[in-house]
């Protein structure tokens, strides 16, 4: 059992060297050349919805880290199995390891943002990994042979040995064990430990970790946004109730939720970016970044939310967006009268199906380049993305957008609609409690309660709150900025007794739609139900 175990360890260490060296060298090329990212990105569209949804529910915005860790773990397991095979079939194992090393190369080549040069880091990693594998397998599968040799045989050559006598043979003290010169078990584990640690350190310092923890794209700092031709109105102080613990009215980009299919934000040079509008149109339109920045840009406060947001969840944010009205771009392209959908494409292969009326009516749908007064962060779509009020992001908020394909719902489908989500996905009226925090401990007496509600394209008319099983009472609303931003609210309850209590909230929009208490999952179009939290009074 010793040789198979050592051989398996050799396969694991060789895999670490392959990915570690490639990932470290990929720092000089960009995320598109990192093998772990490429493999993970290839796995995403192949993963069934039955797996994707529970992972998102469980890990939230850490789902990408989970995928990378799972991909890396699977690669190490495969390397270990190939190493184990090498203890019996070394040639076959070598061929299999080489073939496995080609998988990330193919994954890189099929990415639309990659070039042939991007496979160089993985090729180098594969060569190093194969070399380490052969050396370690040779050491792992060799045997330490021992035997007994008479002392006289060690002292004299065979021709000079004295003739045999009838005297008794050599005593045990006259014989010794002569191990072969093969590396010892201790030396093998020392070598594999050092090489494995170096491989792991290379992964930790490589492109994958850098891409998952840092914003990519130095070009962001070079992009200078023009002054808006139409500036968003100032946000009144009364829009944000002065309650400690209430979310800011505008969400900082670093705190803004991120849900997309890209493991790492694509690195896109704005000077090389373009948007193509095609399909069922009279005239195709191609727009460069210079063209876009020369247009009169509008600025609007708009709330975005994700269809995966659980009741009371944090997958919702409010920002000030700068961009050009999509309806004006489509007007230039002149869509056919029978077109009812625009399929937007991202550089990373994602697509979203947006009802064409949502992009051509009077709502403030934007091809956005700015967020809260600065260029879009890479994680939020740099250099350009779509922002469409009133629709969940999976059918409207395409990041790193490169194409708008005018088409029909009965002819084309999109990434998430192929996986069971609604094709049109209007945002439902929703609300959440933010103060007190769940399971908070507050002093007896008056208890302040506050939160946020949203109902894009309609606006919030009223927010009702109740304590335990009491009656609904209307909360005080902050000033409305516009119908496409969330509206914050506050209220309070007097003389609350000590013990465990529950606060529940519901919202009503301007059209009279009352937030439903019915609980359902997010597929096909958003989770529903009243948000409630428990807190204790001491």
Protein backbone atom coordinates (compact mmCIF):
# COMPACT_ATOMS: atom_id res chain seq x y z
CA UNK A 1 0.00 0.00 0.00
CA UNK A 2 2.95 2.33 0.44
CA UNK A 3 3.77 2.68 -3.25
CA UNK A 4 0.19 3.53 -4.39
CA UNK A 5 -0.13 6.10 -1.60
CA UNK A 6 3.13 7.78 -2.56
CA UNK A 7 2.18 7.67 -6.22
CA UNK A 8 -1.17 9.32 -5.47
CA UNK A 9 0.63 12.01 -3.49
CA UNK A 10 2.95 12.54 -6.46
CA UNK A 11 -0.08 13.11 -8.71
CA UNK A 12 -1.56 15.64 -6.30
CA UNK A 13 1.72 17.56 -6.03
CA UNK A 14 2.19 17.54 -9.82
CA UNK A 15 -1.33 18.98 -10.20
CA UNK A 16 -0.50 21.71 -7.68
CA UNK A 17 2.63 22.57 -9.66
CA UNK A 18 0.70 22.64 -12.93
CA UNK A 19 -1.99 25.01 -11.68
CA UNK A 20 0.28 26.99 -9.38
CA UNK A 21 2.87 27.79 -12.03
CA UNK A 22 0.21 28.56 -14.64
CA UNK A 23 -1.79 30.74 -12.27
CA UNK A 24 1.28 32.69 -11.18
CA UNK A 25 2.44 33.29 -14.76
CA UNK A 26 -1.13 34.31 -15.67
CA UNK A 27 -0.64 37.44 -13.54
CA UNK A 28 1.30 38.80 -16.53
CA UNK A 29 -1.48 37.93 -18.99
CA UNK A 30 -4.80 38.57 -17.24
CA UNK A 31 -7.70 36.56 -15.78
CA UNK A 32 -8.60 35.10 -19.16
CA UNK A 33 -5.37 33.04 -19.06
CA UNK A 34 -5.84 31.55 -15.57
CA UNK A 35 -6.65 27.82 -15.91
CA UNK A 36 -8.75 27.55 -12.74
CA UNK A 37 -10.88 30.51 -13.79
CA UNK A 38 -11.25 29.12 -17.31
CA UNK A 39 -12.33 25.71 -16.04
CA UNK A 40 -14.78 27.23 -13.58
CA UNK A 41 -16.19 29.53 -16.23
CA UNK A 42 -16.71 26.54 -18.52
CA UNK A 43 -18.47 24.59 -15.78
CA UNK A 44 -20.97 27.36 -14.95
CA UNK A 45 -23.19 27.09 -18.06
CA UNK A 46 -23.10 23.28 -17.85
CA UNK A 47 -24.31 23.15 -14.25
CA UNK A 48 -27.99 22.17 -13.84
CA UNK A 49 -30.33 24.67 -12.22
CA UNK A 50 -31.08 22.09 -9.51
CA UNK A 51 -27.48 22.59 -8.34
CA UNK A 52 -27.01 26.29 -9.14
CA UNK A 53 -29.96 27.55 -7.12
CA UNK A 54 -29.13 25.78 -3.83
CA UNK A 55 -25.50 26.91 -4.13
CA UNK A 56 -26.56 30.55 -4.57
CA UNK A 57 -29.02 30.23 -1.68
CA UNK A 58 -26.36 28.72 0.57
CA UNK A 59 -23.30 30.76 -0.35
CA UNK A 60 -24.80 33.97 -1.80
CA UNK A 61 -22.12 36.21 -3.27
CA UNK A 62 -19.48 33.66 -2.19
CA UNK A 63 -20.75 31.20 -4.80
CA UNK A 64 -17.81 32.01 -7.10
CA UNK A 65 -15.29 31.22 -4.39
CA UNK A 66 -17.13 27.96 -3.71
CA UNK A 67 -16.97 27.03 -7.39
CA UNK A 68 -13.24 27.76 -7.61
CA UNK A 69 -12.52 25.75 -4.47
CA UNK A 70 -14.63 22.88 -5.76
CA UNK A 71 -12.92 22.97 -9.15
CA UNK A 72 -9.49 23.03 -7.54
CA UNK A 73 -10.38 20.18 -5.19
CA UNK A 74 -11.70 18.09 -8.08
CA UNK A 75 -8.45 18.71 -10.00
CA UNK A 76 -6.40 17.52 -7.02
CA UNK A 77 -8.54 14.41 -6.64
CA UNK A 78 -8.12 13.64 -10.33
CA UNK A 79 -4.37 14.16 -10.02
CA UNK A 80 -4.29 11.81 -7.06
CA UNK A 81 -6.21 9.11 -8.94
CA UNK A 82 -3.88 9.42 -11.93
CA UNK A 83 -0.91 9.17 -9.57
CA UNK A 84 -2.37 6.04 -7.96
CA UNK A 85 -2.76 4.51 -11.43
CA UNK A 86 0.90 5.26 -12.10
CA UNK A 87 1.89 2.74 -9.42
CA UNK A 88 0.47 0.03 -11.73
CA UNK A 89 0.39 1.60 -15.21
CA UNK A 90 2.94 4.46 -15.31
CA UNK A 91 2.78 5.06 -19.07
CA UNK A 92 -1.01 5.20 -19.14
CA UNK A 93 -1.01 7.54 -16.13
CA UNK A 94 1.44 9.88 -17.83
CA UNK A 95 -0.77 10.04 -20.92
CA UNK A 96 -3.86 10.71 -18.78
CA UNK A 97 -2.17 13.49 -16.84
CA UNK A 98 -1.11 15.15 -20.09
CA UNK A 99 -4.65 14.83 -21.47
CA UNK A 100 -6.08 16.28 -18.24
CA UNK A 101 -3.65 19.19 -18.55
CA UNK A 102 -5.06 19.94 -22.01
CA UNK A 103 -8.56 20.49 -20.56
CA UNK A 104 -7.85 23.98 -19.14
CA UNK A 105 -6.09 24.89 -22.39
CA UNK A 106 -9.25 24.05 -24.33
CA UNK A 107 -11.34 25.93 -21.75
CA UNK A 108 -9.20 29.02 -22.30
CA UNK A 109 -9.36 28.79 -26.10
CA UNK A 110 -13.16 28.62 -26.22
CA UNK A 111 -13.57 31.78 -24.15
CA UNK A 112 -14.57 34.68 -26.44
CA UNK A 113 -12.26 37.14 -24.68
CA UNK A 114 -9.19 34.89 -24.93
CA UNK A 115 -6.43 34.63 -27.55
CA UNK A 116 -3.95 31.90 -28.43
CA UNK A 117 -1.30 33.67 -26.35
CA UNK A 118 -3.44 33.14 -23.25
CA UNK A 119 -2.64 29.41 -23.23
CA UNK A 120 1.08 30.10 -22.63
CA UNK A 121 0.84 30.07 -18.78
CA UNK A 122 -0.99 26.74 -18.80
CA UNK A 123 1.42 25.22 -21.32
CA UNK A 124 4.35 26.17 -19.08
CA UNK A 125 2.50 24.84 -16.05
CA UNK A 126 1.76 21.58 -17.88
CA UNK A 127 5.44 21.07 -18.80
CA UNK A 128 6.54 21.69 -15.21
CA UNK A 129 3.78 19.51 -13.80
CA UNK A 130 4.68 16.62 -16.11
CA UNK A 131 8.36 16.90 -15.17
CA UNK A 132 7.56 16.87 -11.46
CA UNK A 133 5.18 13.96 -11.97
CA UNK A 134 7.80 11.78 -13.67
CA UNK A 135 10.46 12.51 -11.07
CA UNK A 136 8.16 11.89 -8.12
CA UNK A 137 6.57 8.80 -9.62
CA UNK A 138 10.01 7.34 -10.23
CA UNK A 139 10.84 7.88 -6.57
CA UNK A 140 7.43 6.83 -5.29
CA UNK A 141 7.26 3.50 -7.14
CA UNK A 142 10.88 2.33 -6.59
CA UNK A 143 11.50 -0.41 -4.01
CA UNK A 144 14.13 -0.37 -1.24
CA UNK A 145 15.83 -3.78 -1.57
CA UNK A 146 17.75 -5.25 1.37
CA UNK A 147 19.87 -8.41 1.63
CA UNK A 148 22.70 -10.11 3.57
CA UNK A 149 26.25 -10.19 2.21
CA UNK A 150 29.16 -11.99 3.93
CA UNK A 151 31.81 -9.71 5.28
CA UNK A 152 34.49 -11.53 3.28
CA UNK A 153 32.64 -10.84 0.05
CA UNK A 154 32.77 -7.14 0.86
CA UNK A 155 36.52 -7.24 1.54
CA UNK A 156 37.73 -9.33 -1.41
CA UNK A 157 36.85 -9.40 -5.08
CA UNK A 158 35.47 -12.69 -6.25
CA UNK A 159 38.74 -13.83 -7.87
CA UNK A 160 40.79 -13.10 -4.73
CA UNK A 161 38.51 -14.69 -2.21
CA UNK A 162 39.98 -17.51 -0.16
CA UNK A 163 38.73 -20.98 -0.99
CA UNK A 164 35.76 -22.34 0.87
CA UNK A 165 36.53 -24.27 3.98
CA UNK A 166 34.55 -26.55 6.06
CA UNK A 167 34.62 -24.13 8.88
CA UNK A 168 31.30 -22.74 9.98
CA UNK A 169 29.90 -19.89 7.90
CA UNK A 170 29.95 -16.31 8.99
CA UNK A 171 28.17 -15.37 12.13
CA UNK A 172 25.30 -12.86 12.05
CA UNK A 173 27.72 -10.18 13.08
CA UNK A 174 29.67 -10.77 9.88
CA UNK A 175 26.70 -9.85 7.66
CA UNK A 176 25.05 -6.46 7.11
CA UNK A 177 22.05 -5.07 5.17
CA UNK A 178 22.93 -3.07 2.05
CA UNK A 179 20.03 -0.81 1.05
CA UNK A 180 19.91 0.39 -2.59
CA UNK A 181 20.72 4.02 -3.39
CA UNK A 182 17.06 4.89 -4.02
CA UNK A 183 15.63 7.84 -2.07
CA UNK A 184 14.35 6.99 1.32
CA UNK A 185 10.72 7.34 2.33
CA UNK A 186 11.60 10.34 4.49
CA UNK A 187 13.41 12.02 1.62
CA UNK A 188 10.45 11.41 -0.71
CA UNK A 189 7.97 13.06 1.64
CA UNK A 190 10.35 15.96 2.24
CA UNK A 191 10.70 16.58 -1.50
CA UNK A 192 6.97 16.29 -2.19
CA UNK A 193 6.21 18.56 0.77
CA UNK A 194 8.53 21.28 -0.47
CA UNK A 195 7.30 21.09 -4.06
CA UNK A 196 3.65 20.91 -2.98
CA UNK A 197 4.04 23.92 -0.71
CA UNK A 198 5.62 25.85 -3.57
CA UNK A 199 2.70 24.94 -5.84
CA UNK A 200 0.13 25.98 -3.25
CA UNK A 201 1.97 29.26 -2.65
CA UNK A 202 1.96 29.93 -6.39
CA UNK A 203 -1.81 29.39 -6.50
CA UNK A 204 -2.27 31.74 -3.55
CA UNK A 205 -0.20 34.42 -5.30
CA UNK A 206 -1.65 33.75 -8.72
CA UNK A 207 -4.26 35.30 -10.95
CA UNK A 208 -7.26 33.41 -9.57
CA UNK A 209 -6.98 34.70 -6.01
CA UNK A 210 -6.14 38.19 -7.29
CA UNK A 211 -9.20 38.22 -9.54
CA UNK A 212 -11.56 36.98 -6.82
CA UNK A 213 -10.39 39.50 -4.23
CA UNK A 214 -9.46 42.61 -6.21
CA UNK A 215 -11.04 44.70 -8.92
CA UNK A 216 -9.40 44.10 -12.28
CA UNK A 217 -8.83 46.67 -14.98
CA UNK A 218 -6.35 49.51 -14.60
CA UNK A 219 -8.08 51.15 -17.56
CA UNK A 220 -10.86 52.33 -15.23
CA UNK A 221 -8.62 55.08 -13.88
CA UNK A 222 -7.90 56.30 -17.40
CA UNK A 223 -11.57 56.72 -18.39
CA UNK A 224 -12.77 60.29 -17.89
CA UNK A 225 -16.53 60.65 -17.74
CA UNK A 226 -18.18 63.69 -19.31
CA UNK A 227 -20.46 66.04 -17.41
CA UNK A 228 -24.05 64.75 -17.63
CA UNK A 229 -26.22 66.59 -20.12
CA UNK A 230 -29.14 65.76 -17.82
CA UNK A 231 -28.09 65.62 -14.18
CA UNK A 232 -30.00 63.64 -11.57
CA UNK A 233 -31.86 65.84 -9.07
CA UNK A 234 -30.31 66.22 -5.61
CA UNK A 235 -31.37 63.64 -3.05
CA UNK A 236 -33.34 65.42 -0.28
CA UNK A 237 -32.16 64.85 3.26
CA UNK A 238 -35.66 63.66 4.17
CA UNK A 239 -35.29 60.71 1.79
CA UNK A 240 -33.11 58.99 4.39
CA UNK A 241 -34.57 58.80 7.92
CA UNK A 242 -31.98 59.48 10.59
CA UNK A 243 -32.05 56.02 12.16
CA UNK A 244 -28.85 54.26 13.16
CA UNK A 245 -28.49 50.97 11.33
CA UNK A 246 -30.61 51.97 8.33
CA UNK A 247 -28.90 51.31 4.97
CA UNK A 248 -27.50 54.39 3.19
CA UNK A 249 -29.81 55.79 0.54
CA UNK A 250 -27.11 55.34 -2.10
CA UNK A 251 -25.22 52.06 -1.97
CA UNK A 252 -21.44 52.25 -2.11
CA UNK A 253 -20.19 50.26 -5.15
CA UNK A 254 -18.07 48.04 -2.91
CA UNK A 255 -21.23 47.10 -0.97
CA UNK A 256 -23.46 46.81 -4.04
CA UNK A 257 -24.53 43.23 -4.61
CA UNK A 258 -22.90 41.29 -7.42
CA UNK A 259 -24.56 38.29 -9.05
CA UNK A 260 -23.31 37.23 -12.49
CA UNK A 261 -21.77 34.28 -14.30
CA UNK A 262 -18.22 35.68 -14.49
CA UNK A 263 -15.75 34.25 -12.00
CA UNK A 264 -13.51 37.29 -12.50
CA UNK A 265 -14.43 40.64 -14.04
CA UNK A 266 -13.29 40.67 -17.68
CA UNK A 267 -10.38 43.00 -18.43
CA UNK A 268 -11.66 45.23 -21.23
CA UNK A 269 -9.83 48.16 -22.77
CA UNK A 270 -12.44 50.89 -23.36
CA UNK A 271 -10.68 51.84 -26.59
CA UNK A 272 -11.24 48.33 -27.90
CA UNK A 273 -14.83 48.01 -26.65
CA UNK A 274 -17.77 48.39 -29.00
CA UNK A 275 -21.50 47.74 -28.94
CA UNK A 276 -23.19 46.16 -31.93
CA UNK A 277 -26.96 46.50 -32.42
CA UNK A 278 -28.23 43.98 -34.97
CA UNK A 279 -30.91 41.39 -35.70
CA UNK A 280 -34.42 42.44 -36.69
CA UNK A 281 -33.41 46.00 -37.50
CA UNK A 282 -33.40 48.18 -40.59
CA UNK A 283 -29.89 49.44 -39.97
CA UNK A 284 -27.14 47.87 -37.87
CA UNK A 285 -25.44 50.22 -35.42
CA UNK A 286 -21.91 49.93 -34.02
CA UNK A 287 -20.94 52.21 -31.17
CA UNK A 288 -17.41 52.73 -29.81
CA UNK A 289 -16.58 54.12 -26.38
CA UNK A 290 -15.56 57.44 -27.96
CA UNK A 291 -18.91 57.53 -29.75
CA UNK A 292 -20.74 56.83 -26.51
CA UNK A 293 -18.90 59.46 -24.46
CA UNK A 294 -19.56 62.07 -27.16
CA UNK A 295 -23.32 61.60 -26.75
CA UNK A 296 -25.38 63.69 -24.28
CA UNK A 297 -25.48 61.38 -21.26
CA UNK A 298 -28.23 61.23 -18.65
CA UNK A 299 -27.88 60.64 -14.91
CA UNK A 300 -30.58 58.84 -12.92
CA UNK A 301 -31.07 57.37 -9.45
CA UNK A 302 -32.18 53.75 -10.00
CA UNK A 303 -32.57 50.75 -7.71
CA UNK A 304 -31.54 47.31 -8.98
CA UNK A 305 -32.48 43.98 -7.45
CA UNK A 306 -31.75 40.34 -8.15
CA UNK A 307 -34.39 37.70 -8.74
CA UNK A 308 -32.48 35.46 -6.31
CA UNK A 309 -32.94 37.92 -3.47
CA UNK A 310 -34.59 36.13 -0.55
CA UNK A 311 -37.35 37.86 1.40
CA UNK A 312 -35.61 40.61 3.36
CA UNK A 313 -32.30 39.87 1.59
CA UNK A 314 -29.42 42.11 0.58
CA UNK A 315 -29.34 41.45 -3.17
CA UNK A 316 -30.70 44.92 -3.84
CA UNK A 317 -28.93 48.25 -4.16
CA UNK A 318 -29.52 51.86 -5.13
CA UNK A 319 -27.09 53.95 -7.17
CA UNK A 320 -26.77 56.99 -9.42
CA UNK A 321 -26.14 55.79 -12.96
CA UNK A 322 -24.70 57.74 -15.89
CA UNK A 323 -25.44 56.60 -19.41
CA UNK A 324 -27.23 57.06 -22.69
CA UNK A 325 -30.91 56.17 -23.19
CA UNK A 326 -31.17 52.78 -24.89
CA UNK A 327 -34.33 53.86 -26.68
CA UNK A 328 -32.30 56.42 -28.64
CA UNK A 329 -29.83 53.76 -29.75
CA UNK A 330 -32.65 51.45 -30.83
CA UNK A 331 -34.30 54.33 -32.63
CA UNK A 332 -31.18 54.61 -34.78
CA UNK A 333 -31.32 50.89 -35.56
CA UNK A 334 -35.09 50.97 -36.35
CA UNK A 335 -36.35 47.61 -35.01
CA UNK A 336 -38.86 45.68 -37.08
CA UNK A 337 -42.45 45.92 -35.95
CA UNK A 338 -42.68 42.23 -35.10
CA UNK A 339 -39.66 42.33 -32.77
CA UNK A 340 -40.65 41.98 -29.10
CA UNK A 341 -37.33 41.21 -27.37
CA UNK A 342 -33.75 42.43 -27.18
CA UNK A 343 -31.19 39.74 -26.39
CA UNK A 344 -28.22 41.46 -24.78
CA UNK A 345 -24.87 39.66 -24.88
CA UNK A 346 -21.95 40.02 -22.51
CA UNK A 347 -18.32 39.50 -23.44
CA UNK A 348 -18.25 36.53 -21.02
CA UNK A 349 -21.00 34.68 -22.93
CA UNK A 350 -23.95 35.65 -20.72
CA UNK A 351 -27.20 36.74 -22.37
CA UNK A 352 -30.43 38.35 -21.12
CA UNK A 353 -33.86 38.62 -22.73
CA UNK A 354 -35.40 42.06 -22.23
CA UNK A 355 -38.89 42.96 -23.47
CA UNK A 356 -38.32 45.55 -26.17
CA UNK A 357 -40.95 47.87 -24.68
CA UNK A 358 -38.84 48.19 -21.52
CA UNK A 359 -36.04 49.60 -23.68
CA UNK A 360 -38.15 51.83 -25.91
CA UNK A 361 -40.79 53.34 -23.60
CA UNK A 362 -40.27 56.45 -21.43
CA UNK A 363 -38.54 54.69 -18.50
CA UNK A 364 -34.88 55.58 -17.87
CA UNK A 365 -33.25 52.50 -19.39
CA UNK A 366 -29.55 53.24 -19.87
CA UNK A 367 -26.42 51.99 -21.54
CA UNK A 368 -24.49 52.99 -18.43
CA UNK A 369 -20.81 53.94 -18.10
CA UNK A 370 -20.85 55.54 -14.63
CA UNK A 371 -21.92 54.62 -11.10
CA UNK A 372 -22.16 57.12 -8.24
CA UNK A 373 -20.06 59.70 -10.08
CA UNK A 374 -17.22 57.41 -11.19
CA UNK A 375 -16.64 54.97 -14.05
CA UNK A 376 -18.25 51.59 -13.53
CA UNK A 377 -16.11 49.32 -11.33
CA UNK A 378 -15.00 46.18 -13.22
CA UNK A 379 -17.18 44.03 -10.97
CA UNK A 380 -20.22 46.08 -12.00
CA UNK A 381 -19.75 46.03 -15.75
CA UNK A 382 -16.85 48.28 -16.82
CA UNK A 383 -16.75 49.77 -19.37
CA UNK A 384 -20.50 49.56 -20.14
CA UNK A 385 -23.60 47.76 -18.92
CA UNK A 386 -27.39 47.91 -19.11
CA UNK A 387 -29.56 49.41 -16.37
CA UNK A 388 -33.30 48.88 -16.83
CA UNK A 389 -35.76 50.02 -14.14
CA UNK A 390 -38.62 47.70 -13.26
CA UNK A 391 -37.06 44.38 -14.30
CA UNK A 392 -34.96 41.94 -12.34
CA UNK A 393 -31.31 41.99 -13.28
CA UNK A 394 -31.19 38.58 -14.93
CA UNK A 395 -33.34 39.85 -17.81
CA UNK A 396 -32.03 43.39 -18.01
CA UNK A 397 -28.80 44.33 -16.23
CA UNK A 398 -26.21 42.77 -18.55
CA UNK A 399 -22.66 43.71 -17.55
CA UNK A 400 -19.73 44.04 -19.96
CA UNK A 401 -22.34 44.29 -22.70
CA UNK A 402 -21.15 44.01 -26.31
CA UNK A 403 -24.28 43.22 -28.33
CA UNK A 404 -27.95 44.10 -28.48
CA UNK A 405 -29.69 41.59 -30.71
CA UNK A 406 -33.22 42.63 -31.65
CA UNK A 407 -35.30 39.46 -31.96
CA UNK A 408 -38.41 37.68 -30.68
CA UNK A 409 -39.22 35.64 -27.58
CA UNK A 410 -40.46 32.76 -29.74
CA UNK A 411 -37.16 32.65 -31.63
CA UNK A 412 -34.42 33.18 -29.03
CA UNK A 413 -33.86 32.35 -25.38
CA UNK A 414 -31.40 33.67 -22.80
CA UNK A 415 -28.98 32.22 -20.26
CA UNK A 416 -31.29 32.09 -17.23
CA UNK A 417 -34.57 31.58 -19.08
CA UNK A 418 -33.06 28.35 -20.42
CA UNK A 419 -32.70 27.35 -16.76
CA UNK A 420 -36.30 27.88 -15.70
CA UNK A 421 -36.57 31.57 -14.79
CA UNK A 422 -39.21 33.87 -16.22
CA UNK A 423 -38.45 35.50 -19.58
CA UNK A 424 -39.89 38.92 -18.68
CA UNK A 425 -39.48 39.16 -14.89
CA UNK A 426 -41.12 42.40 -13.69
CA UNK A 427 -40.01 43.47 -10.21
CA UNK A 428 -42.59 42.82 -7.50
CA UNK A 429 -43.38 45.15 -4.61
CA UNK A 430 -41.15 44.27 -1.65
CA UNK A 431 -39.90 45.56 1.69
CA UNK A 432 -37.54 44.63 4.50
CA UNK A 433 -36.84 45.45 8.16
CA UNK A 434 -33.32 46.78 8.80
CA UNK A 435 -33.72 48.11 12.35
CA UNK A 436 -33.62 46.29 14.75
CA UNK A 437 -31.26 43.68 13.38
CA UNK A 438 -32.39 40.05 13.67
CA UNK A 439 -31.99 38.73 17.23
CA UNK A 440 -30.87 42.17 18.45
CA UNK A 441 -31.19 42.99 22.13
CA UNK A 442 -32.79 46.36 22.85
CA UNK A 443 -33.68 48.10 26.12
CA UNK A 444 -37.25 48.06 27.36
CA UNK A 445 -39.47 51.01 26.47
CA UNK A 446 -39.74 52.63 23.05
CA UNK A 447 -38.38 50.58 20.14
CA UNK A 448 -37.43 52.22 16.85
CA UNK A 449 -38.13 50.25 13.66
CA UNK A 450 -36.96 51.20 10.15
CA UNK A 451 -36.30 49.72 6.74
CA UNK A 452 -36.60 50.01 2.99
CA UNK A 453 -39.28 49.23 0.40
CA UNK A 454 -39.28 49.27 -3.41
CA UNK A 455 -41.71 48.99 -6.31
CA UNK A 456 -40.07 50.25 -9.51
CA UNK A 457 -42.19 51.79 -12.22
CA UNK A 458 -44.95 52.39 -9.68
CA UNK A 459 -43.45 53.75 -6.48
CA UNK A 460 -44.23 53.06 -2.84
CA UNK A 461 -47.52 54.45 -1.54
CA UNK A 462 -47.54 53.01 1.99
CA UNK A 463 -45.59 50.75 4.32
CA UNK A 464 -47.36 48.87 7.09
CA UNK A 465 -45.64 47.44 10.16
CA UNK A 466 -46.93 45.31 13.02
CA UNK A 467 -45.49 44.12 16.31
CA UNK A 468 -46.12 40.48 17.13
CA UNK A 469 -49.79 39.70 16.35
CA UNK A 470 -50.96 43.30 16.63
CA UNK A 471 -52.67 45.49 14.06
CA UNK A 472 -50.92 46.92 11.01
CA UNK A 473 -49.80 50.52 11.50
CA UNK A 474 -48.58 52.87 8.79
CA UNK A 475 -44.91 53.84 8.91
CA UNK A 476 -43.54 57.31 8.18
CA UNK A 477 -42.10 57.37 4.67
CA UNK A 478 -38.95 59.17 3.63
CA UNK A 479 -39.28 61.55 0.69
CA UNK A 480 -39.68 59.86 -2.68
CA UNK A 481 -36.78 60.59 -5.05
CA UNK A 482 -38.46 58.91 -8.01
CA UNK A 483 -40.57 55.83 -8.68
CA UNK A 484 -37.50 53.80 -9.67
CA UNK A 485 -35.63 54.14 -6.39
CA UNK A 486 -36.33 52.45 -3.13
CA UNK A 487 -38.14 54.35 -0.40
CA UNK A 488 -37.04 54.23 3.21
CA UNK A 489 -39.37 54.29 6.19
CA UNK A 490 -39.42 54.42 9.98
CA UNK A 491 -41.81 53.90 12.85
CA UNK A 492 -41.71 52.94 16.52
CA UNK A 493 -43.53 51.07 19.25
CA UNK A 494 -43.94 52.40 22.78
CA UNK A 495 -43.64 50.61 26.10
CA UNK A 496 -42.60 47.29 24.61
CA UNK A 497 -42.44 44.65 27.35
CA UNK A 498 -39.37 42.55 28.06
CA UNK A 499 -39.15 39.32 26.11
CA UNK A 500 -38.95 38.05 22.54
CA UNK A 501 -40.87 40.03 19.90
CA UNK A 502 -41.47 39.90 16.15
CA UNK A 503 -41.71 42.83 13.70
CA UNK A 504 -43.34 42.26 10.30
CA UNK A 505 -43.48 44.63 7.31
CA UNK A 506 -45.45 44.87 4.08
CA UNK A 507 -45.50 47.48 1.30
CA UNK A 508 -48.22 48.82 -0.98
CA UNK A 509 -47.36 50.43 -4.32
CA UNK A 510 -49.00 53.41 -5.99
CA UNK A 511 -51.19 51.08 -8.07
CA UNK A 512 -52.65 49.54 -4.93
CA UNK A 513 -50.76 46.24 -5.14
CA UNK A 514 -50.22 44.88 -1.63
CA UNK A 515 -47.11 42.84 -0.96
CA UNK A 516 -48.28 39.24 -0.72
CA UNK A 517 -47.74 37.22 2.47
CA UNK A 518 -47.53 34.02 0.41
CA UNK A 519 -44.13 32.38 0.67
CA UNK A 520 -42.56 31.02 -2.51
CA UNK A 521 -39.10 30.37 -3.89
CA UNK A 522 -37.40 32.68 -6.38
CA UNK A 523 -37.94 30.50 -9.45
CA UNK A 524 -39.48 31.55 -11.79
CA UNK A 525 -39.83 35.18 -10.75
CA UNK A 526 -38.68 36.23 -7.28
CA UNK A 527 -39.25 34.97 -3.77
CA UNK A 528 -42.31 36.44 -2.06
CA UNK A 529 -43.66 36.83 1.48
CA UNK A 530 -43.61 39.35 4.31
CA UNK A 531 -40.26 40.00 5.93
CA UNK A 532 -40.20 39.63 9.70
CA UNK A 533 -37.43 39.62 12.27
CA UNK A 534 -37.26 38.70 15.92
CA UNK A 535 -35.60 40.77 18.63
CA UNK A 536 -35.53 40.67 22.39
CA UNK A 537 -36.30 43.44 24.84
CA UNK A 538 -34.37 43.44 28.12
